[in-house]
Amino acid sequence: YRQAPGKQREFLTDITTYGSTIYADSIKGRFTISRDNAK
């Protein structure tokens, strides 16, 4: 998530244990989430 000054906290992206992802429209195509379960 992120929070800019004077604004509410905004959801960006999420990834499940199995690797399923979801992105907010504001960051699609620019941001990528990934996960290393071993670490």
PDB file of all heavy atoms in Angstrom:
ATOM      1  N   TYR A   1       0.860  -1.166   0.000  1.00  0.00           N
ATOM      2  CA  TYR A   1       0.000   0.000   0.000  1.00  0.00           C
ATOM      3  C   TYR A   1       0.907   1.230   0.000  1.00  0.00           C
ATOM      4  O   TYR A   1       2.102   1.125   0.246  1.00  0.00           O
ATOM      5  CB  TYR A   1      -0.871   0.046   1.260  1.00  0.00           C
ATOM      6  CG  TYR A   1      -1.999  -0.955   1.321  1.00  0.00           C
ATOM      7  CD1 TYR A   1      -1.746  -2.320   1.409  1.00  0.00           C
ATOM      8  CD2 TYR A   1      -3.324  -0.523   1.308  1.00  0.00           C
ATOM      9  CE1 TYR A   1      -2.790  -3.231   1.476  1.00  0.00           C
ATOM     10  CE2 TYR A   1      -4.375  -1.432   1.390  1.00  0.00           C
ATOM     11  CZ  TYR A   1      -4.097  -2.772   1.473  1.00  0.00           C
ATOM     12  OH  TYR A   1      -5.137  -3.673   1.547  1.00  0.00           O
ATOM     13  N   ARG A   2       0.315   2.375  -0.253  1.00  0.00           N
ATOM     14  CA  ARG A   2       1.074   3.617  -0.110  1.00  0.00           C
ATOM     15  C   ARG A   2       0.164   4.724   0.405  1.00  0.00           C
ATOM     16  O   ARG A   2      -1.054   4.664   0.248  1.00  0.00           O
ATOM     17  CB  ARG A   2       1.711   4.041  -1.436  1.00  0.00           C
ATOM     18  CG  ARG A   2       0.728   4.488  -2.504  1.00  0.00           C
ATOM     19  CD  ARG A   2       1.457   4.791  -3.814  1.00  0.00           C
ATOM     20  NE  ARG A   2       0.524   5.196  -4.876  1.00  0.00           N
ATOM     21  CZ  ARG A   2       0.878   5.313  -6.153  1.00  0.00           C
ATOM     22  NH1 ARG A   2       2.141   5.054  -6.531  1.00  0.00           N
ATOM     23  NH2 ARG A   2      -0.012   5.673  -7.054  1.00  0.00           N
ATOM     24  N   GLN A   3       0.796   5.704   1.015  1.00  0.00           N
ATOM     25  CA  GLN A   3       0.056   6.848   1.529  1.00  0.00           C
ATOM     26  C   GLN A   3       0.831   8.118   1.241  1.00  0.00           C
ATOM     27  O   GLN A   3       1.952   8.299   1.735  1.00  0.00           O
ATOM     28  CB  GLN A   3      -0.199   6.711   3.032  1.00  0.00           C
ATOM     29  CG  GLN A   3      -1.126   7.769   3.585  1.00  0.00           C
ATOM     30  CD  GLN A   3      -1.632   7.422   4.972  1.00  0.00           C
ATOM     31  OE1 GLN A   3      -1.065   6.578   5.673  1.00  0.00           O
ATOM     32  NE2 GLN A   3      -2.726   8.055   5.377  1.00  0.00           N
ATOM     33  N   ALA A   4       0.231   8.964   0.430  1.00  0.00           N
ATOM     34  CA  ALA A   4       0.825  10.258   0.121  1.00  0.00           C
ATOM     35  C   ALA A   4       0.349  11.282   1.143  1.00  0.00           C
ATOM     36  O   ALA A   4      -0.699  11.097   1.776  1.00  0.00           O
ATOM     37  CB  ALA A   4       0.422  10.693  -1.287  1.00  0.00           C
ATOM     38  N   PRO A   5       1.082  12.374   1.322  1.00  0.00           N
ATOM     39  CA  PRO A   5       0.688  13.398   2.298  1.00  0.00           C
ATOM     40  C   PRO A   5      -0.720  13.908   2.039  1.00  0.00           C
ATOM     41  O   PRO A   5      -1.068  14.264   0.911  1.00  0.00           O
ATOM     42  CB  PRO A   5       1.725  14.501   2.083  1.00  0.00           C
ATOM     43  CG  PRO A   5       2.910  13.798   1.537  1.00  0.00           C
ATOM     44  CD  PRO A   5       2.369  12.688   0.690  1.00  0.00           C
ATOM     45  N   GLY A   6      -1.533  13.913   3.075  1.00  0.00           N
ATOM     46  CA  GLY A   6      -2.887  14.423   2.958  1.00  0.00           C
ATOM     47  C   GLY A   6      -3.869  13.493   2.280  1.00  0.00           C
ATOM     48  O   GLY A   6      -5.017  13.876   2.044  1.00  0.00           O
ATOM     49  N   LYS A   7      -3.442  12.270   1.977  1.00  0.00           N
ATOM     50  CA  LYS A   7      -4.320  11.322   1.285  1.00  0.00           C
ATOM     51  C   LYS A   7      -4.486  10.054   2.104  1.00  0.00           C
ATOM     52  O   LYS A   7      -3.700   9.771   3.005  1.00  0.00           O
ATOM     53  CB  LYS A   7      -3.761  10.985  -0.096  1.00  0.00           C
ATOM     54  CG  LYS A   7      -3.737  12.159  -1.051  1.00  0.00           C
ATOM     55  CD  LYS A   7      -3.360  11.719  -2.443  1.00  0.00           C
ATOM     56  CE  LYS A   7      -3.419  12.870  -3.433  1.00  0.00           C
ATOM     57  NZ  LYS A   7      -3.069  12.435  -4.814  1.00  0.00           N
ATOM     58  N   GLN A   8      -5.512   9.281   1.769  1.00  0.00           N
ATOM     59  CA  GLN A   8      -5.734   8.016   2.443  1.00  0.00           C
ATOM     60  C   GLN A   8      -4.763   6.966   1.931  1.00  0.00           C
ATOM     61  O   GLN A   8      -4.223   7.082   0.830  1.00  0.00           O
ATOM     62  CB  GLN A   8      -7.184   7.549   2.197  1.00  0.00           C
ATOM     63  CG  GLN A   8      -8.233   8.396   2.899  1.00  0.00           C
ATOM     64  CD  GLN A   8      -9.621   7.800   2.781  1.00  0.00           C
ATOM     65  OE1 GLN A   8      -9.941   7.103   1.814  1.00  0.00           O
ATOM     66  NE2 GLN A   8     -10.451   8.050   3.777  1.00  0.00           N
ATOM     67  N   ARG A   9      -4.566   5.958   2.753  1.00  0.00           N
ATOM     68  CA  ARG A   9      -3.727   4.845   2.339  1.00  0.00           C
ATOM     69  C   ARG A   9      -4.388   4.134   1.159  1.00  0.00           C
ATOM     70  O   ARG A   9      -5.593   3.856   1.197  1.00  0.00           O
ATOM     71  CB  ARG A   9      -3.494   3.894   3.503  1.00  0.00           C
ATOM     72  CG  ARG A   9      -2.415   2.857   3.257  1.00  0.00           C
ATOM     73  CD  ARG A   9      -2.018   2.140   4.522  1.00  0.00           C
ATOM     74  NE  ARG A   9      -1.411   3.039   5.503  1.00  0.00           N
ATOM     75  CZ  ARG A   9      -0.814   2.635   6.621  1.00  0.00           C
ATOM     76  NH1 ARG A   9      -0.747   1.341   6.886  1.00  0.00           N
ATOM     77  NH2 ARG A   9      -0.313   3.500   7.466  1.00  0.00           N
ATOM     78  N   GLU A  10      -3.573   3.829   0.159  1.00  0.00           N
ATOM     79  CA  GLU A  10      -4.072   3.297  -1.112  1.00  0.00           C
ATOM     80  C   GLU A  10      -3.537   1.903  -1.356  1.00  0.00           C
ATOM     81  O   GLU A  10      -2.320   1.669  -1.264  1.00  0.00           O
ATOM     82  CB  GLU A  10      -3.625   4.239  -2.249  1.00  0.00           C
ATOM     83  CG  GLU A  10      -3.887   3.752  -3.651  1.00  0.00           C
ATOM     84  CD  GLU A  10      -3.165   4.586  -4.700  1.00  0.00           C
ATOM     85  OE1 GLU A  10      -2.223   5.341  -4.342  1.00  0.00           O
ATOM     86  OE2 GLU A  10      -3.516   4.465  -5.885  1.00  0.00           O
ATOM     87  N   PHE A  11      -4.424   0.958  -1.707  1.00  0.00           N
ATOM     88  CA  PHE A  11      -3.999  -0.382  -2.070  1.00  0.00           C
ATOM     89  C   PHE A  11      -3.280  -0.340  -3.409  1.00  0.00           C
ATOM     90  O   PHE A  11      -3.741   0.317  -4.356  1.00  0.00           O
ATOM     91  CB  PHE A  11      -5.200  -1.312  -2.170  1.00  0.00           C
ATOM     92  CG  PHE A  11      -4.887  -2.634  -2.810  1.00  0.00           C
ATOM     93  CD1 PHE A  11      -4.276  -3.632  -2.073  1.00  0.00           C
ATOM     94  CD2 PHE A  11      -5.176  -2.867  -4.146  1.00  0.00           C
ATOM     95  CE1 PHE A  11      -3.974  -4.852  -2.657  1.00  0.00           C
ATOM     96  CE2 PHE A  11      -4.879  -4.077  -4.739  1.00  0.00           C
ATOM     97  CZ  PHE A  11      -4.274  -5.069  -3.988  1.00  0.00           C
ATOM     98  N   LEU A  12      -2.173  -1.064  -3.509  1.00  0.00           N
ATOM     99  CA  LEU A  12      -1.427  -1.148  -4.760  1.00  0.00           C
ATOM    100  C   LEU A  12      -1.475  -2.534  -5.373  1.00  0.00           C
ATOM    101  O   LEU A  12      -1.830  -2.700  -6.542  1.00  0.00           O
ATOM    102  CB  LEU A  12       0.027  -0.751  -4.544  1.00  0.00           C
ATOM    103  CG  LEU A  12       0.296   0.674  -4.090  1.00  0.00           C
ATOM    104  CD1 LEU A  12       1.782   0.886  -3.873  1.00  0.00           C
ATOM    105  CD2 LEU A  12      -0.254   1.668  -5.077  1.00  0.00           C
ATOM    106  N   THR A  13      -1.074  -3.537  -4.602  1.00  0.00           N
ATOM    107  CA  THR A  13      -0.935  -4.863  -5.169  1.00  0.00           C
ATOM    108  C   THR A  13      -0.850  -5.900  -4.069  1.00  0.00           C
ATOM    109  O   THR A  13      -0.512  -5.586  -2.922  1.00  0.00           O
ATOM    110  CB  THR A  13       0.307  -4.937  -6.077  1.00  0.00           C
ATOM    111  OG1 THR A  13       0.426  -6.243  -6.647  1.00  0.00           O
ATOM    112  CG2 THR A  13       1.580  -4.618  -5.295  1.00  0.00           C
ATOM    113  N   ASP A  14      -1.135  -7.147  -4.458  1.00  0.00           N
ATOM    114  CA  ASP A  14      -1.177  -8.232  -3.491  1.00  0.00           C
ATOM    115  C   ASP A  14      -0.760  -9.520  -4.188  1.00  0.00           C
ATOM    116  O   ASP A  14      -1.034  -9.702  -5.390  1.00  0.00           O
ATOM    117  CB  ASP A  14      -2.603  -8.352  -2.952  1.00  0.00           C
ATOM    118  CG  ASP A  14      -2.747  -9.405  -1.887  1.00  0.00           C
ATOM    119  OD1 ASP A  14      -2.475  -9.086  -0.718  1.00  0.00           O
ATOM    120  OD2 ASP A  14      -3.131 -10.534  -2.226  1.00  0.00           O
ATOM    121  N   ILE A  15      -0.129 -10.421  -3.435  1.00  0.00           N
ATOM    122  CA  ILE A  15       0.259 -11.717  -3.992  1.00  0.00           C
ATOM    123  C   ILE A  15      -0.012 -12.791  -2.947  1.00  0.00           C
ATOM    124  O   ILE A  15       0.317 -12.634  -1.776  1.00  0.00           O
ATOM    125  CB  ILE A  15       1.739 -11.726  -4.441  1.00  0.00           C
ATOM    126  CG1 ILE A  15       2.096 -13.045  -5.136  1.00  0.00           C
ATOM    127  CG2 ILE A  15       2.682 -11.440  -3.275  1.00  0.00           C
ATOM    128  CD1 ILE A  15       3.433 -12.987  -5.865  1.00  0.00           C
ATOM    129  N   THR A  16      -0.629 -13.882  -3.382  1.00  0.00           N
ATOM    130  CA  THR A  16      -0.924 -14.969  -2.452  1.00  0.00           C
ATOM    131  C   THR A  16       0.265 -15.922  -2.349  1.00  0.00           C
ATOM    132  O   THR A  16       1.238 -15.808  -3.092  1.00  0.00           O
ATOM    133  CB  THR A  16      -2.147 -15.766  -2.924  1.00  0.00           C
ATOM    134  OG1 THR A  16      -1.792 -16.488  -4.116  1.00  0.00           O
ATOM    135  CG2 THR A  16      -3.334 -14.856  -3.196  1.00  0.00           C
ATOM    136  N   THR A  17       0.156 -16.851  -1.428  1.00  0.00           N
ATOM    137  CA  THR A  17       1.198 -17.858  -1.242  1.00  0.00           C
ATOM    138  C   THR A  17       1.431 -18.646  -2.533  1.00  0.00           C
ATOM    139  O   THR A  17       2.560 -19.078  -2.808  1.00  0.00           O
ATOM    140  CB  THR A  17       0.804 -18.826  -0.123  1.00  0.00           C
ATOM    141  OG1 THR A  17       0.553 -18.077   1.071  1.00  0.00           O
ATOM    142  CG2 THR A  17       1.893 -19.835   0.146  1.00  0.00           C
ATOM    143  N   TYR A  18       0.375 -18.781  -3.333  1.00  0.00           N
ATOM    144  CA  TYR A  18       0.471 -19.568  -4.561  1.00  0.00           C
ATOM    145  C   TYR A  18       0.861 -18.728  -5.771  1.00  0.00           C
ATOM    146  O   TYR A  18       0.954 -19.256  -6.879  1.00  0.00           O
ATOM    147  CB  TYR A  18      -0.860 -20.266  -4.816  1.00  0.00           C
ATOM    148  CG  TYR A  18      -1.261 -21.156  -3.667  1.00  0.00           C
ATOM    149  CD1 TYR A  18      -2.241 -20.746  -2.764  1.00  0.00           C
ATOM    150  CD2 TYR A  18      -0.629 -22.367  -3.441  1.00  0.00           C
ATOM    151  CE1 TYR A  18      -2.588 -21.534  -1.684  1.00  0.00           C
ATOM    152  CE2 TYR A  18      -0.983 -23.169  -2.365  1.00  0.00           C
ATOM    153  CZ  TYR A  18      -1.949 -22.749  -1.491  1.00  0.00           C
ATOM    154  OH  TYR A  18      -2.296 -23.533  -0.419  1.00  0.00           O
ATOM    155  N   GLY A  19       1.061 -17.434  -5.552  1.00  0.00           N
ATOM    156  CA  GLY A  19       1.550 -16.579  -6.626  1.00  0.00           C
ATOM    157  C   GLY A  19       0.510 -15.799  -7.395  1.00  0.00           C
ATOM    158  O   GLY A  19       0.838 -15.092  -8.349  1.00  0.00           O
ATOM    159  N   SER A  20      -0.739 -15.891  -6.995  1.00  0.00           N
ATOM    160  CA  SER A  20      -1.779 -15.095  -7.659  1.00  0.00           C
ATOM    161  C   SER A  20      -1.632 -13.635  -7.284  1.00  0.00           C
ATOM    162  O   SER A  20      -1.411 -13.315  -6.116  1.00  0.00           O
ATOM    163  CB  SER A  20      -3.161 -15.588  -7.246  1.00  0.00           C
ATOM    164  OG  SER A  20      -3.364 -16.908  -7.673  1.00  0.00           O
ATOM    165  N   THR A  21      -1.757 -12.778  -8.273  1.00  0.00           N
ATOM    166  CA  THR A  21      -1.534 -11.349  -8.043  1.00  0.00           C
ATOM    167  C   THR A  21      -2.739 -10.513  -8.469  1.00  0.00           C
ATOM    168  O   THR A  21      -3.540 -10.922  -9.304  1.00  0.00           O
ATOM    169  CB  THR A  21      -0.311 -10.852  -8.815  1.00  0.00           C
ATOM    170  OG1 THR A  21      -0.514 -11.085 -10.214  1.00  0.00           O
ATOM    171  CG2 THR A  21       0.958 -11.556  -8.364  1.00  0.00           C
ATOM    172  N   ILE A  22      -2.812  -9.341  -7.896  1.00  0.00           N
ATOM    173  CA  ILE A  22      -3.808  -8.348  -8.272  1.00  0.00           C
ATOM    174  C   ILE A  22      -3.147  -6.983  -8.166  1.00  0.00           C
ATOM    175  O   ILE A  22      -2.301  -6.772  -7.284  1.00  0.00           O
ATOM    176  CB  ILE A  22      -5.076  -8.448  -7.392  1.00  0.00           C
ATOM    177  CG1 ILE A  22      -6.157  -7.503  -7.890  1.00  0.00           C
ATOM    178  CG2 ILE A  22      -4.743  -8.191  -5.933  1.00  0.00           C
ATOM    179  CD1 ILE A  22      -7.500  -7.725  -7.217  1.00  0.00           C
ATOM    180  N   TYR A  23      -3.505  -6.078  -9.085  1.00  0.00           N
ATOM    181  CA  TYR A  23      -2.904  -4.749  -9.121  1.00  0.00           C
ATOM    182  C   TYR A  23      -3.973  -3.666  -9.208  1.00  0.00           C
ATOM    183  O   TYR A  23      -4.997  -3.836  -9.862  1.00  0.00           O
ATOM    184  CB  TYR A  23      -2.000  -4.599 -10.350  1.00  0.00           C
ATOM    185  CG  TYR A  23      -0.769  -5.449 -10.342  1.00  0.00           C
ATOM    186  CD1 TYR A  23      -0.762  -6.710 -10.920  1.00  0.00           C
ATOM    187  CD2 TYR A  23       0.409  -4.987  -9.747  1.00  0.00           C
ATOM    188  CE1 TYR A  23       0.370  -7.497 -10.907  1.00  0.00           C
ATOM    189  CE2 TYR A  23       1.549  -5.769  -9.730  1.00  0.00           C
ATOM    190  CZ  TYR A  23       1.527  -7.016 -10.317  1.00  0.00           C
ATOM    191  OH  TYR A  23       2.665  -7.794 -10.307  1.00  0.00           O
ATOM    192  N   ALA A  24      -3.673  -2.547  -8.576  1.00  0.00           N
ATOM    193  CA  ALA A  24      -4.502  -1.368  -8.749  1.00  0.00           C
ATOM    194  C   ALA A  24      -4.253  -0.791 -10.142  1.00  0.00           C
ATOM    195  O   ALA A  24      -3.134  -0.896 -10.672  1.00  0.00           O
ATOM    196  CB  ALA A  24      -4.182  -0.320  -7.690  1.00  0.00           C
ATOM    197  N   ASP A  25      -5.268  -0.188 -10.721  1.00  0.00           N
ATOM    198  CA  ASP A  25      -5.132   0.376 -12.064  1.00  0.00           C
ATOM    199  C   ASP A  25      -4.019   1.413 -12.149  1.00  0.00           C
ATOM    200  O   ASP A  25      -3.368   1.564 -13.181  1.00  0.00           O
ATOM    201  CB  ASP A  25      -6.456   1.009 -12.515  1.00  0.00           C
ATOM    202  CG  ASP A  25      -7.527  -0.032 -12.815  1.00  0.00           C
ATOM    203  OD1 ASP A  25      -7.171  -1.208 -13.000  1.00  0.00           O
ATOM    204  OD2 ASP A  25      -8.712   0.346 -12.852  1.00  0.00           O
ATOM    205  N   SER A  26      -3.787   2.134 -11.062  1.00  0.00           N
ATOM    206  CA  SER A  26      -2.812   3.222 -11.065  1.00  0.00           C
ATOM    207  C   SER A  26      -1.386   2.753 -11.295  1.00  0.00           C
ATOM    208  O   SER A  26      -0.521   3.546 -11.671  1.00  0.00           O
ATOM    209  CB  SER A  26      -2.897   4.018  -9.765  1.00  0.00           C
ATOM    210  OG  SER A  26      -2.642   3.172  -8.656  1.00  0.00           O
ATOM    211  N   ILE A  27      -1.120   1.482 -11.073  1.00  0.00           N
ATOM    212  CA  ILE A  27       0.251   0.984 -11.199  1.00  0.00           C
ATOM    213  C   ILE A  27       0.398  -0.140 -12.214  1.00  0.00           C
ATOM    214  O   ILE A  27       1.517  -0.611 -12.452  1.00  0.00           O
ATOM    215  CB  ILE A  27       0.821   0.521  -9.850  1.00  0.00           C
ATOM    216  CG1 ILE A  27       0.031  -0.687  -9.333  1.00  0.00           C
ATOM    217  CG2 ILE A  27       0.831   1.663  -8.845  1.00  0.00           C
ATOM    218  CD1 ILE A  27       0.726  -1.407  -8.204  1.00  0.00           C
ATOM    219  N   LYS A  28      -0.678  -0.577 -12.812  1.00  0.00           N
ATOM    220  CA  LYS A  28      -0.594  -1.670 -13.781  1.00  0.00           C
ATOM    221  C   LYS A  28       0.355  -1.324 -14.916  1.00  0.00           C
ATOM    222  O   LYS A  28       0.315  -0.226 -15.465  1.00  0.00           O
ATOM    223  CB  LYS A  28      -1.989  -1.967 -14.348  1.00  0.00           C
ATOM    224  CG  LYS A  28      -2.840  -2.852 -13.482  1.00  0.00           C
ATOM    225  CD  LYS A  28      -4.178  -3.149 -14.150  1.00  0.00           C
ATOM    226  CE  LYS A  28      -5.048  -4.020 -13.268  1.00  0.00           C
ATOM    227  NZ  LYS A  28      -6.379  -4.244 -13.858  1.00  0.00           N
ATOM    228  N   GLY A  29       1.210  -2.275 -15.242  1.00  0.00           N
ATOM    229  CA  GLY A  29       2.160  -2.072 -16.326  1.00  0.00           C
ATOM    230  C   GLY A  29       3.449  -1.391 -15.909  1.00  0.00           C
ATOM    231  O   GLY A  29       4.410  -1.371 -16.671  1.00  0.00           O
ATOM    232  N   ARG A  30       3.467  -0.831 -14.697  1.00  0.00           N
ATOM    233  CA  ARG A  30       4.685  -0.148 -14.224  1.00  0.00           C
ATOM    234  C   ARG A  30       5.305  -0.849 -13.017  1.00  0.00           C
ATOM    235  O   ARG A  30       6.524  -0.878 -12.872  1.00  0.00           O
ATOM    236  CB  ARG A  30       4.378   1.301 -13.855  1.00  0.00           C
ATOM    237  CG  ARG A  30       3.865   2.149 -14.992  1.00  0.00           C
ATOM    238  CD  ARG A  30       3.814   3.632 -14.604  1.00  0.00           C
ATOM    239  NE  ARG A  30       2.919   3.861 -13.470  1.00  0.00           N
ATOM    240  CZ  ARG A  30       3.291   4.488 -12.349  1.00  0.00           C
ATOM    241  NH1 ARG A  30       4.540   4.908 -12.198  1.00  0.00           N
ATOM    242  NH2 ARG A  30       2.401   4.687 -11.379  1.00  0.00           N
ATOM    243  N   PHE A  31       4.475  -1.370 -12.135  1.00  0.00           N
ATOM    244  CA  PHE A  31       4.948  -2.024 -10.919  1.00  0.00           C
ATOM    245  C   PHE A  31       4.699  -3.521 -11.014  1.00  0.00           C
ATOM    246  O   PHE A  31       3.687  -3.958 -11.576  1.00  0.00           O
ATOM    247  CB  PHE A  31       4.216  -1.490  -9.695  1.00  0.00           C
ATOM    248  CG  PHE A  31       4.484  -0.054  -9.338  1.00  0.00           C
ATOM    249  CD1 PHE A  31       5.198   0.787 -10.177  1.00  0.00           C
ATOM    250  CD2 PHE A  31       3.997   0.462  -8.140  1.00  0.00           C
ATOM    251  CE1 PHE A  31       5.431   2.115  -9.841  1.00  0.00           C
ATOM    252  CE2 PHE A  31       4.223   1.784  -7.789  1.00  0.00           C
ATOM    253  CZ  PHE A  31       4.935   2.611  -8.641  1.00  0.00           C
ATOM    254  N   THR A  32       5.608  -4.299 -10.421  1.00  0.00           N
ATOM    255  CA  THR A  32       5.464  -5.746 -10.404  1.00  0.00           C
ATOM    256  C   THR A  32       5.753  -6.273  -8.999  1.00  0.00           C
ATOM    257  O   THR A  32       6.800  -5.952  -8.430  1.00  0.00           O
ATOM    258  CB  THR A  32       6.418  -6.420 -11.393  1.00  0.00           C
ATOM    259  OG1 THR A  32       6.183  -5.909 -12.714  1.00  0.00           O
ATOM    260  CG2 THR A  32       6.213  -7.923 -11.409  1.00  0.00           C
ATOM    261  N   ILE A  33       4.854  -7.086  -8.494  1.00  0.00           N
ATOM    262  CA  ILE A  33       5.063  -7.709  -7.196  1.00  0.00           C
ATOM    263  C   ILE A  33       5.577  -9.123  -7.415  1.00  0.00           C
ATOM    264  O   ILE A  33       5.188  -9.810  -8.366  1.00  0.00           O
ATOM    265  CB  ILE A  33       3.768  -7.716  -6.350  1.00  0.00           C
ATOM    266  CG1 ILE A  33       4.053  -8.145  -4.914  1.00  0.00           C
ATOM    267  CG2 ILE A  33       2.686  -8.586  -6.992  1.00  0.00           C
ATOM    268  CD1 ILE A  33       2.871  -7.961  -3.963  1.00  0.00           C
ATOM    269  N   SER A  34       6.470  -9.555  -6.548  1.00  0.00           N
ATOM    270  CA  SER A  34       6.960 -10.924  -6.588  1.00  0.00           C
ATOM    271  C   SER A  34       7.231 -11.381  -5.161  1.00  0.00           C
ATOM    272  O   SER A  34       7.296 -10.565  -4.232  1.00  0.00           O
ATOM    273  CB  SER A  34       8.218 -11.033  -7.456  1.00  0.00           C
ATOM    274  OG  SER A  34       9.263 -10.236  -6.933  1.00  0.00           O
ATOM    275  N   ARG A  35       7.415 -12.677  -5.029  1.00  0.00           N
ATOM    276  CA  ARG A  35       7.522 -13.232  -3.687  1.00  0.00           C
ATOM    277  C   ARG A  35       8.523 -14.371  -3.704  1.00  0.00           C
ATOM    278  O   ARG A  35       8.497 -15.211  -4.606  1.00  0.00           O
ATOM    279  CB  ARG A  35       6.144 -13.716  -3.255  1.00  0.00           C
ATOM    280  CG  ARG A  35       6.029 -14.287  -1.864  1.00  0.00           C
ATOM    281  CD  ARG A  35       4.560 -14.500  -1.512  1.00  0.00           C
ATOM    282  NE  ARG A  35       4.406 -15.072  -0.189  1.00  0.00           N
ATOM    283  CZ  ARG A  35       3.267 -15.112   0.479  1.00  0.00           C
ATOM    284  NH1 ARG A  35       2.173 -14.620  -0.063  1.00  0.00           N
ATOM    285  NH2 ARG A  35       3.208 -15.665   1.673  1.00  0.00           N
ATOM    286  N   ASP A  36       9.377 -14.399  -2.701  1.00  0.00           N
ATOM    287  CA  ASP A  36      10.324 -15.491  -2.499  1.00  0.00           C
ATOM    288  C   ASP A  36       9.946 -16.160  -1.184  1.00  0.00           C
ATOM    289  O   ASP A  36      10.313 -15.674  -0.110  1.00  0.00           O
ATOM    290  CB  ASP A  36      11.763 -14.952  -2.467  1.00  0.00           C
ATOM    291  CG  ASP A  36      12.801 -16.060  -2.403  1.00  0.00           C
ATOM    292  OD1 ASP A  36      12.478 -17.169  -1.934  1.00  0.00           O
ATOM    293  OD2 ASP A  36      13.933 -15.811  -2.829  1.00  0.00           O
ATOM    294  N   ASN A  37       9.207 -17.249  -1.275  1.00  0.00           N
ATOM    295  CA  ASN A  37       8.720 -17.909  -0.059  1.00  0.00           C
ATOM    296  C   ASN A  37       9.865 -18.452   0.795  1.00  0.00           C
ATOM    297  O   ASN A  37       9.761 -18.486   2.021  1.00  0.00           O
ATOM    298  CB  ASN A  37       7.748 -19.029  -0.417  1.00  0.00           C
ATOM    299  CG  ASN A  37       6.421 -18.494  -0.948  1.00  0.00           C
ATOM    300  OD1 ASN A  37       6.010 -17.382  -0.599  1.00  0.00           O
ATOM    301  ND2 ASN A  37       5.757 -19.255  -1.772  1.00  0.00           N
ATOM    302  N   ALA A  38      10.938 -18.870   0.157  1.00  0.00           N
ATOM    303  CA  ALA A  38      12.076 -19.414   0.907  1.00  0.00           C
ATOM    304  C   ALA A  38      12.732 -18.341   1.771  1.00  0.00           C
ATOM    305  O   ALA A  38      13.300 -18.644   2.828  1.00  0.00           O
ATOM    306  CB  ALA A  38      13.094 -20.005  -0.048  1.00  0.00           C
ATOM    307  N   LYS A  39      12.646 -17.092   1.319  1.00  0.00           N
ATOM    308  CA  LYS A  39      13.245 -15.981   2.071  1.00  0.00           C
ATOM    309  C   LYS A  39      12.202 -15.186   2.840  1.00  0.00           C
ATOM    310  O   LYS A  39      12.533 -14.168   3.459  1.00  0.00           O
ATOM    311  CB  LYS A  39      13.995 -15.049   1.120  1.00  0.00           C
ATOM    312  CG  LYS A  39      15.198 -15.686   0.443  1.00  0.00           C
ATOM    313  CD  LYS A  39      15.912 -14.679  -0.442  1.00  0.00           C
ATOM    314  CE  LYS A  39      17.135 -15.299  -1.090  1.00  0.00           C
ATOM    315  NZ  LYS A  39      17.858 -14.343  -1.966  1.00  0.00           N
TER     316      LYS A  39
END
